[in-house]
Amino acid sequence: MIKKGAKLVESANDILKELNLPIKSTRTVLVEGETLEENLILEALKEDALYIDKIIEKTKLEAATVASTLAIMEIKGKVRNLGGSIYTMKR
């Protein structure tokens, strides 16, 4: 199939892009932090999902602080654990 021009599809947007159809943005929910730590983590996650070590590196917070804050934020529905310690902002 690859020799015939098959392409990898990871989401519906990949199909829309291939067909030159407009991609409508999904509904975005504004997520705000309640503490300085939450705001730093949300700022780090605004572009893309990150592994916890990258969040620690970007925020310059202690590992224990990041881990506990992420757990609380996940309970509050502000972030999502994608598995393998990779987190994304809930949208």
PDB file of N, CA and C in Angstrom:
ATOM      1  N   MET A   1       0.812  -1.193   0.000  1.00  0.00           N
ATOM      2  CA  MET A   1       0.000   0.000   0.000  1.00  0.00           C
ATOM      3  C   MET A   1       0.860   1.263   0.000  1.00  0.00           C
ATOM      4  N   ILE A   2       1.992   1.203   0.683  1.00  0.00           N
ATOM      5  CA  ILE A   2       2.869   2.372   0.737  1.00  0.00           C
ATOM      6  C   ILE A   2       3.389   2.702  -0.654  1.00  0.00           C
ATOM      7  N   LYS A   3       3.722   1.667  -1.454  1.00  0.00           N
ATOM      8  CA  LYS A   3       4.184   1.905  -2.817  1.00  0.00           C
ATOM      9  C   LYS A   3       3.122   2.587  -3.661  1.00  0.00           C
ATOM     10  N   LYS A   4       1.876   2.379  -3.312  1.00  0.00           N
ATOM     11  CA  LYS A   4       0.768   2.982  -4.067  1.00  0.00           C
ATOM     12  C   LYS A   4       0.394   4.367  -3.532  1.00  0.00           C
ATOM     13  N   GLY A   5       1.141   4.850  -2.537  1.00  0.00           N
ATOM     14  CA  GLY A   5       0.907   6.207  -2.043  1.00  0.00           C
ATOM     15  C   GLY A   5       0.116   6.289  -0.755  1.00  0.00           C
ATOM     16  N   ALA A   6      -0.041   5.185  -0.029  1.00  0.00           N
ATOM     17  CA  ALA A   6      -0.765   5.217   1.238  1.00  0.00           C
ATOM     18  C   ALA A   6      -0.030   6.122   2.226  1.00  0.00           C
ATOM     19  N   LYS A   7      -0.793   6.797   3.054  1.00  0.00           N
ATOM     20  CA  LYS A   7      -0.206   7.702   4.042  1.00  0.00           C
ATOM     21  C   LYS A   7      -0.685   7.323   5.431  1.00  0.00           C
ATOM     22  N   LEU A   8       0.129   7.659   6.409  1.00  0.00           N
ATOM     23  CA  LEU A   8      -0.210   7.401   7.799  1.00  0.00           C
ATOM     24  C   LEU A   8      -1.304   8.369   8.241  1.00  0.00           C
ATOM     25  N   VAL A   9      -2.330   7.850   8.882  1.00  0.00           N
ATOM     26  CA  VAL A   9      -3.412   8.679   9.408  1.00  0.00           C
ATOM     27  C   VAL A   9      -3.442   8.495  10.913  1.00  0.00           C
ATOM     28  N   GLU A  10      -3.219   9.597  11.639  1.00  0.00           N
ATOM     29  CA  GLU A  10      -3.239   9.554  13.094  1.00  0.00           C
ATOM     30  C   GLU A  10      -4.472  10.214  13.678  1.00  0.00           C
ATOM     31  N   SER A  11      -5.155  11.021  12.875  1.00  0.00           N
ATOM     32  CA  SER A  11      -6.358  11.694  13.362  1.00  0.00           C
ATOM     33  C   SER A  11      -7.230  12.087  12.174  1.00  0.00           C
ATOM     34  N   ALA A  12      -8.438  12.535  12.489  1.00  0.00           N
ATOM     35  CA  ALA A  12      -9.351  12.991  11.445  1.00  0.00           C
ATOM     36  C   ALA A  12      -8.777  14.190  10.697  1.00  0.00           C
ATOM     37  N   ASN A  13      -7.996  15.003  11.390  1.00  0.00           N
ATOM     38  CA  ASN A  13      -7.390  16.172  10.746  1.00  0.00           C
ATOM     39  C   ASN A  13      -6.443  15.770   9.621  1.00  0.00           C
ATOM     40  N   ASP A  14      -5.767  14.618   9.757  1.00  0.00           N
ATOM     41  CA  ASP A  14      -4.893  14.139   8.685  1.00  0.00           C
ATOM     42  C   ASP A  14      -5.686  13.878   7.410  1.00  0.00           C
ATOM     43  N   ILE A  15      -6.866  13.318   7.540  1.00  0.00           N
ATOM     44  CA  ILE A  15      -7.722  13.040   6.382  1.00  0.00           C
ATOM     45  C   ILE A  15      -8.222  14.340   5.766  1.00  0.00           C
ATOM     46  N   LEU A  16      -8.679  15.261   6.628  1.00  0.00           N
ATOM     47  CA  LEU A  16      -9.166  16.550   6.128  1.00  0.00           C
ATOM     48  C   LEU A  16      -8.068  17.302   5.385  1.00  0.00           C
ATOM     49  N   LYS A  17      -6.855  17.256   5.916  1.00  0.00           N
ATOM     50  CA  LYS A  17      -5.726  17.942   5.281  1.00  0.00           C
ATOM     51  C   LYS A  17      -5.433  17.330   3.908  1.00  0.00           C
ATOM     52  N   GLU A  18      -5.453  16.009   3.819  1.00  0.00           N
ATOM     53  CA  GLU A  18      -5.174  15.317   2.559  1.00  0.00           C
ATOM     54  C   GLU A  18      -6.224  15.645   1.503  1.00  0.00           C
ATOM     55  N   LEU A  19      -7.462  15.829   1.931  1.00  0.00           N
ATOM     56  CA  LEU A  19      -8.554  16.143   1.010  1.00  0.00           C
ATOM     57  C   LEU A  19      -8.708  17.646   0.768  1.00  0.00           C
ATOM     58  N   ASN A  20      -7.786  18.432   1.344  1.00  0.00           N
ATOM     59  CA  ASN A  20      -7.827  19.898   1.232  1.00  0.00           C
ATOM     60  C   ASN A  20      -9.148  20.481   1.723  1.00  0.00           C
ATOM     61  N   LEU A  21      -9.663  19.916   2.806  1.00  0.00           N
ATOM     62  CA  LEU A  21     -10.889  20.412   3.424  1.00  0.00           C
ATOM     63  C   LEU A  21     -10.504  21.252   4.639  1.00  0.00           C
ATOM     64  N   PRO A  22     -11.328  22.242   4.966  1.00  0.00           N
ATOM     65  CA  PRO A  22     -10.992  23.088   6.114  1.00  0.00           C
ATOM     66  C   PRO A  22     -11.008  22.285   7.413  1.00  0.00           C
ATOM     67  N   ILE A  23     -10.040  22.585   8.242  1.00  0.00           N
ATOM     68  CA  ILE A  23      -9.943  21.935   9.545  1.00  0.00           C
ATOM     69  C   ILE A  23     -10.535  22.878  10.569  1.00  0.00           C
ATOM     70  N   LYS A  24     -11.626  22.449  11.170  1.00  0.00           N
ATOM     71  CA  LYS A  24     -12.264  23.274  12.194  1.00  0.00           C
ATOM     72  C   LYS A  24     -11.619  22.971  13.524  1.00  0.00           C
ATOM     73  N   SER A  25     -11.320  24.023  14.252  1.00  0.00           N
ATOM     74  CA  SER A  25     -10.707  23.809  15.560  1.00  0.00           C
ATOM     75  C   SER A  25     -11.747  23.242  16.504  1.00  0.00           C
ATOM     76  N   THR A  26     -11.283  22.384  17.388  1.00  0.00           N
ATOM     77  CA  THR A  26     -12.178  21.813  18.377  1.00  0.00           C
ATOM     78  C   THR A  26     -12.436  22.838  19.452  1.00  0.00           C
ATOM     79  N   ARG A  27     -13.496  22.643  20.153  1.00  0.00           N
ATOM     80  CA  ARG A  27     -13.865  23.561  21.222  1.00  0.00           C
ATOM     81  C   ARG A  27     -12.754  23.582  22.263  1.00  0.00           C
ATOM     82  N   THR A  28     -12.243  24.757  22.547  1.00  0.00           N
ATOM     83  CA  THR A  28     -11.165  24.889  23.514  1.00  0.00           C
ATOM     84  C   THR A  28     -11.716  25.464  24.811  1.00  0.00           C
ATOM     85  N   VAL A  29     -11.420  24.776  25.882  1.00  0.00           N
ATOM     86  CA  VAL A  29     -11.847  25.232  27.196  1.00  0.00           C
ATOM     87  C   VAL A  29     -10.667  25.938  27.838  1.00  0.00           C
ATOM     88  N   LEU A  30     -10.900  27.122  28.356  1.00  0.00           N
ATOM     89  CA  LEU A  30      -9.835  27.870  29.012  1.00  0.00           C
ATOM     90  C   LEU A  30      -9.536  27.224  30.360  1.00  0.00           C
ATOM     91  N   VAL A  31      -8.322  26.785  30.530  1.00  0.00           N
ATOM     92  CA  VAL A  31      -7.903  26.145  31.775  1.00  0.00           C
ATOM     93  C   VAL A  31      -6.993  27.120  32.496  1.00  0.00           C
ATOM     94  N   GLU A  32      -7.341  27.425  33.732  1.00  0.00           N
ATOM     95  CA  GLU A  32      -6.533  28.349  34.525  1.00  0.00           C
ATOM     96  C   GLU A  32      -6.050  27.659  35.786  1.00  0.00           C
ATOM     97  N   GLY A  33      -4.840  27.975  36.180  1.00  0.00           N
ATOM     98  CA  GLY A  33      -4.291  27.421  37.406  1.00  0.00           C
ATOM     99  C   GLY A  33      -4.745  28.206  38.618  1.00  0.00           C
ATOM    100  N   GLU A  34      -4.754  27.526  39.748  1.00  0.00           N
ATOM    101  CA  GLU A  34      -5.146  28.173  41.010  1.00  0.00           C
ATOM    102  C   GLU A  34      -3.934  28.556  41.853  1.00  0.00           C
ATOM    103  N   THR A  35      -2.768  28.029  41.479  1.00  0.00           N
ATOM    104  CA  THR A  35      -1.533  28.326  42.211  1.00  0.00           C
ATOM    105  C   THR A  35      -0.437  28.677  41.217  1.00  0.00           C
ATOM    106  N   LEU A  36       0.653  29.176  41.728  1.00  0.00           N
ATOM    107  CA  LEU A  36       1.802  29.487  40.886  1.00  0.00           C
ATOM    108  C   LEU A  36       2.301  28.226  40.186  1.00  0.00           C
ATOM    109  N   GLU A  37       2.359  27.114  40.918  1.00  0.00           N
ATOM    110  CA  GLU A  37       2.833  25.853  40.352  1.00  0.00           C
ATOM    111  C   GLU A  37       1.934  25.390  39.210  1.00  0.00           C
ATOM    112  N   GLU A  38       0.613  25.459  39.424  1.00  0.00           N
ATOM    113  CA  GLU A  38      -0.325  25.056  38.379  1.00  0.00           C
ATOM    114  C   GLU A  38      -0.159  25.928  37.143  1.00  0.00           C
ATOM    115  N   ASN A  39      -0.004  27.219  37.335  1.00  0.00           N
ATOM    116  CA  ASN A  39       0.173  28.124  36.192  1.00  0.00           C
ATOM    117  C   ASN A  39       1.458  27.833  35.433  1.00  0.00           C
ATOM    118  N   LEU A  40       2.536  27.522  36.135  1.00  0.00           N
ATOM    119  CA  LEU A  40       3.795  27.182  35.468  1.00  0.00           C
ATOM    120  C   LEU A  40       3.649  25.901  34.646  1.00  0.00           C
ATOM    121  N   ILE A  41       2.965  24.920  35.207  1.00  0.00           N
ATOM    122  CA  ILE A  41       2.766  23.650  34.499  1.00  0.00           C
ATOM    123  C   ILE A  41       1.873  23.855  33.285  1.00  0.00           C
ATOM    124  N   LEU A  42       0.801  24.599  33.433  1.00  0.00           N
ATOM    125  CA  LEU A  42      -0.091  24.858  32.298  1.00  0.00           C
ATOM    126  C   LEU A  42       0.627  25.624  31.194  1.00  0.00           C
ATOM    127  N   GLU A  43       1.480  26.545  31.574  1.00  0.00           N
ATOM    128  CA  GLU A  43       2.271  27.291  30.585  1.00  0.00           C
ATOM    129  C   GLU A  43       3.192  26.338  29.814  1.00  0.00           C
ATOM    130  N   ALA A  44       3.789  25.395  30.521  1.00  0.00           N
ATOM    131  CA  ALA A  44       4.678  24.426  29.879  1.00  0.00           C
ATOM    132  C   ALA A  44       3.904  23.514  28.930  1.00  0.00           C
ATOM    133  N   LEU A  45       2.658  23.212  29.262  1.00  0.00           N
ATOM    134  CA  LEU A  45       1.849  22.284  28.467  1.00  0.00           C
ATOM    135  C   LEU A  45       1.026  22.955  27.375  1.00  0.00           C
ATOM    136  N   LYS A  46       1.108  24.267  27.248  1.00  0.00           N
ATOM    137  CA  LYS A  46       0.222  24.958  26.304  1.00  0.00           C
ATOM    138  C   LYS A  46       0.488  24.596  24.848  1.00  0.00           C
ATOM    139  N   GLU A  47       1.717  24.225  24.511  1.00  0.00           N
ATOM    140  CA  GLU A  47       2.062  23.896  23.129  1.00  0.00           C
ATOM    141  C   GLU A  47       1.782  22.445  22.781  1.00  0.00           C
ATOM    142  N   ASP A  48       2.162  21.537  23.695  1.00  0.00           N
ATOM    143  CA  ASP A  48       2.097  20.118  23.361  1.00  0.00           C
ATOM    144  C   ASP A  48       2.158  19.284  24.634  1.00  0.00           C
ATOM    145  N   ALA A  49       1.858  18.009  24.500  1.00  0.00           N
ATOM    146  CA  ALA A  49       1.991  17.077  25.611  1.00  0.00           C
ATOM    147  C   ALA A  49       3.472  16.897  25.919  1.00  0.00           C
ATOM    148  N   LEU A  50       3.780  16.733  27.195  1.00  0.00           N
ATOM    149  CA  LEU A  50       5.176  16.600  27.604  1.00  0.00           C
ATOM    150  C   LEU A  50       5.362  15.473  28.605  1.00  0.00           C
ATOM    151  N   TYR A  51       6.530  14.858  28.543  1.00  0.00           N
ATOM    152  CA  TYR A  51       6.955  13.891  29.534  1.00  0.00           C
ATOM    153  C   TYR A  51       7.241  14.653  30.828  1.00  0.00           C
ATOM    154  N   ILE A  52       6.994  14.043  31.956  1.00  0.00           N
ATOM    155  CA  ILE A  52       7.125  14.729  33.247  1.00  0.00           C
ATOM    156  C   ILE A  52       8.507  15.357  33.432  1.00  0.00           C
ATOM    157  N   ASP A  53       9.565  14.702  32.933  1.00  0.00           N
ATOM    158  CA  ASP A  53      10.914  15.273  33.065  1.00  0.00           C
ATOM    159  C   ASP A  53      11.038  16.599  32.326  1.00  0.00           C
ATOM    160  N   LYS A  54      10.386  16.730  31.182  1.00  0.00           N
ATOM    161  CA  LYS A  54      10.407  17.991  30.425  1.00  0.00           C
ATOM    162  C   LYS A  54       9.638  19.077  31.166  1.00  0.00           C
ATOM    163  N   ILE A  55       8.535  18.685  31.829  1.00  0.00           N
ATOM    164  CA  ILE A  55       7.764  19.655  32.615  1.00  0.00           C
ATOM    165  C   ILE A  55       8.630  20.180  33.754  1.00  0.00           C
ATOM    166  N   ILE A  56       9.341  19.277  34.421  1.00  0.00           N
ATOM    167  CA  ILE A  56      10.248  19.676  35.511  1.00  0.00           C
ATOM    168  C   ILE A  56      11.317  20.624  34.983  1.00  0.00           C
ATOM    169  N   GLU A  57      11.877  20.291  33.837  1.00  0.00           N
ATOM    170  CA  GLU A  57      12.921  21.119  33.225  1.00  0.00           C
ATOM    171  C   GLU A  57      12.393  22.510  32.855  1.00  0.00           C
ATOM    172  N   LYS A  58      11.219  22.559  32.237  1.00  0.00           N
ATOM    173  CA  LYS A  58      10.671  23.844  31.789  1.00  0.00           C
ATOM    174  C   LYS A  58      10.221  24.723  32.947  1.00  0.00           C
ATOM    175  N   THR A  59       9.621  24.114  33.986  1.00  0.00           N
ATOM    176  CA  THR A  59       9.084  24.906  35.098  1.00  0.00           C
ATOM    177  C   THR A  59      10.128  25.248  36.143  1.00  0.00           C
ATOM    178  N   LYS A  60      11.229  24.464  36.151  1.00  0.00           N
ATOM    179  CA  LYS A  60      12.282  24.625  37.160  1.00  0.00           C
ATOM    180  C   LYS A  60      11.760  24.385  38.583  1.00  0.00           C
ATOM    181  N   LEU A  61      10.709  23.569  38.697  1.00  0.00           N
ATOM    182  CA  LEU A  61      10.164  23.190  39.998  1.00  0.00           C
ATOM    183  C   LEU A  61      10.783  21.863  40.427  1.00  0.00           C
ATOM    184  N   GLU A  62      10.715  21.578  41.716  1.00  0.00           N
ATOM    185  CA  GLU A  62      11.193  20.295  42.236  1.00  0.00           C
ATOM    186  C   GLU A  62      10.342  19.166  41.666  1.00  0.00           C
ATOM    187  N   ALA A  63      10.958  18.001  41.465  1.00  0.00           N
ATOM    188  CA  ALA A  63      10.255  16.854  40.895  1.00  0.00           C
ATOM    189  C   ALA A  63       9.037  16.462  41.735  1.00  0.00           C
ATOM    190  N   ALA A  64       9.184  16.460  43.047  1.00  0.00           N
ATOM    191  CA  ALA A  64       8.071  16.091  43.926  1.00  0.00           C
ATOM    192  C   ALA A  64       6.922  17.088  43.803  1.00  0.00           C
ATOM    193  N   THR A  65       7.254  18.359  43.663  1.00  0.00           N
ATOM    194  CA  THR A  65       6.226  19.398  43.512  1.00  0.00           C
ATOM    195  C   THR A  65       5.468  19.213  42.209  1.00  0.00           C
ATOM    196  N   VAL A  66       6.188  18.947  41.137  1.00  0.00           N
ATOM    197  CA  VAL A  66       5.543  18.740  39.835  1.00  0.00           C
ATOM    198  C   VAL A  66       4.653  17.503  39.882  1.00  0.00           C
ATOM    199  N   ALA A  67       5.159  16.413  40.434  1.00  0.00           N
ATOM    200  CA  ALA A  67       4.389  15.165  40.492  1.00  0.00           C
ATOM    201  C   ALA A  67       3.112  15.335  41.305  1.00  0.00           C
ATOM    202  N   SER A  68       3.212  15.968  42.464  1.00  0.00           N
ATOM    203  CA  SER A  68       2.017  16.137  43.296  1.00  0.00           C
ATOM    204  C   SER A  68       1.043  17.131  42.681  1.00  0.00           C
ATOM    205  N   THR A  69       1.561  18.191  42.089  1.00  0.00           N
ATOM    206  CA  THR A  69       0.689  19.183  41.445  1.00  0.00           C
ATOM    207  C   THR A  69      -0.015  18.576  40.242  1.00  0.00           C
ATOM    208  N   LEU A  70       0.685  17.776  39.454  1.00  0.00           N
ATOM    209  CA  LEU A  70       0.057  17.109  38.310  1.00  0.00           C
ATOM    210  C   LEU A  70      -1.049  16.164  38.769  1.00  0.00           C
ATOM    211  N   ALA A  71      -0.814  15.450  39.867  1.00  0.00           N
ATOM    212  CA  ALA A  71      -1.837  14.532  40.392  1.00  0.00           C
ATOM    213  C   ALA A  71      -3.091  15.303  40.798  1.00  0.00           C
ATOM    214  N   ILE A  72      -2.907  16.421  41.471  1.00  0.00           N
ATOM    215  CA  ILE A  72      -4.042  17.251  41.887  1.00  0.00           C
ATOM    216  C   ILE A  72      -4.746  17.834  40.664  1.00  0.00           C
ATOM    217  N   MET A  73      -3.970  18.299  39.687  1.00  0.00           N
ATOM    218  CA  MET A  73      -4.556  18.880  38.484  1.00  0.00           C
ATOM    219  C   MET A  73      -5.320  17.833  37.674  1.00  0.00           C
ATOM    220  N   GLU A  74      -4.844  16.598  37.715  1.00  0.00           N
ATOM    221  CA  GLU A  74      -5.548  15.523  37.013  1.00  0.00           C
ATOM    222  C   GLU A  74      -6.893  15.245  37.686  1.00  0.00           C
ATOM    223  N   ILE A  75      -6.908  15.242  39.003  1.00  0.00           N
ATOM    224  CA  ILE A  75      -8.156  15.052  39.748  1.00  0.00           C
ATOM    225  C   ILE A  75      -9.132  16.188  39.455  1.00  0.00           C
ATOM    226  N   LYS A  76      -8.620  17.416  39.351  1.00  0.00           N
ATOM    227  CA  LYS A  76      -9.457  18.582  39.060  1.00  0.00           C
ATOM    228  C   LYS A  76      -9.905  18.636  37.608  1.00  0.00           C
ATOM    229  N   GLY A  77      -9.322  17.783  36.763  1.00  0.00           N
ATOM    230  CA  GLY A  77      -9.688  17.769  35.349  1.00  0.00           C
ATOM    231  C   GLY A  77      -8.978  18.826  34.519  1.00  0.00           C
ATOM    232  N   LYS A  78      -7.847  19.307  34.990  1.00  0.00           N
ATOM    233  CA  LYS A  78      -7.100  20.338  34.258  1.00  0.00           C
ATOM    234  C   LYS A  78      -6.055  19.758  33.312  1.00  0.00           C
ATOM    235  N   VAL A  79      -5.514  18.596  33.661  1.00  0.00           N
ATOM    236  CA  VAL A  79      -4.547  17.917  32.808  1.00  0.00           C
ATOM    237  C   VAL A  79      -4.955  16.457  32.669  1.00  0.00           C
ATOM    238  N   ARG A  80      -4.377  15.812  31.679  1.00  0.00           N
ATOM    239  CA  ARG A  80      -4.647  14.403  31.426  1.00  0.00           C
ATOM    240  C   ARG A  80      -3.334  13.652  31.313  1.00  0.00           C
ATOM    241  N   ASN A  81      -3.253  12.501  31.948  1.00  0.00           N
ATOM    242  CA  ASN A  81      -2.089  11.635  31.821  1.00  0.00           C
ATOM    243  C   ASN A  81      -2.345  10.725  30.635  1.00  0.00           C
ATOM    244  N   LEU A  82      -1.514  10.840  29.605  1.00  0.00           N
ATOM    245  CA  LEU A  82      -1.681  10.038  28.400  1.00  0.00           C
ATOM    246  C   LEU A  82      -1.040   8.665  28.539  1.00  0.00           C
ATOM    247  N   GLY A  83      -0.431   8.403  29.674  1.00  0.00           N
ATOM    248  CA  GLY A  83       0.270   7.149  29.905  1.00  0.00           C
ATOM    249  C   GLY A  83       1.766   7.367  29.760  1.00  0.00           C
ATOM    250  N   GLY A  84       2.527   6.580  30.461  1.00  0.00           N
ATOM    251  CA  GLY A  84       3.979   6.699  30.376  1.00  0.00           C
ATOM    252  C   GLY A  84       4.500   8.020  30.908  1.00  0.00           C
ATOM    253  N   SER A  85       3.797   8.606  31.881  1.00  0.00           N
ATOM    254  CA  SER A  85       4.178   9.900  32.473  1.00  0.00           C
ATOM    255  C   SER A  85       4.212  11.040  31.464  1.00  0.00           C
ATOM    256  N   ILE A  86       3.355  10.967  30.463  1.00  0.00           N
ATOM    257  CA  ILE A  86       3.204  12.053  29.490  1.00  0.00           C
ATOM    258  C   ILE A  86       1.888  12.752  29.791  1.00  0.00           C
ATOM    259  N   TYR A  87       1.959  14.074  29.956  1.00  0.00           N
ATOM    260  CA  TYR A  87       0.791  14.859  30.333  1.00  0.00           C
ATOM    261  C   TYR A  87       0.439  15.873  29.261  1.00  0.00           C
ATOM    262  N   THR A  88      -0.855  16.162  29.196  1.00  0.00           N
ATOM    263  CA  THR A  88      -1.344  17.184  28.281  1.00  0.00           C
ATOM    264  C   THR A  88      -2.382  18.023  29.020  1.00  0.00           C
ATOM    265  N   MET A  89      -2.557  19.239  28.546  1.00  0.00           N
ATOM    266  CA  MET A  89      -3.571  20.108  29.107  1.00  0.00           C
ATOM    267  C   MET A  89      -4.939  19.632  28.637  1.00  0.00           C
ATOM    268  N   LYS A  90      -5.899  19.604  29.535  1.00  0.00           N
ATOM    269  CA  LYS A  90      -7.264  19.218  29.180  1.00  0.00           C
ATOM    270  C   LYS A  90      -7.848  20.331  28.332  1.00  0.00           C
ATOM    271  N   ARG A  91      -8.419  19.982  27.203  1.00  0.00           N
ATOM    272  CA  ARG A  91      -8.984  20.982  26.299  1.00  0.00           C
ATOM    273  C   ARG A  91     -10.450  20.760  26.113  1.00  0.00           C
TER     274      ARG A  91
END
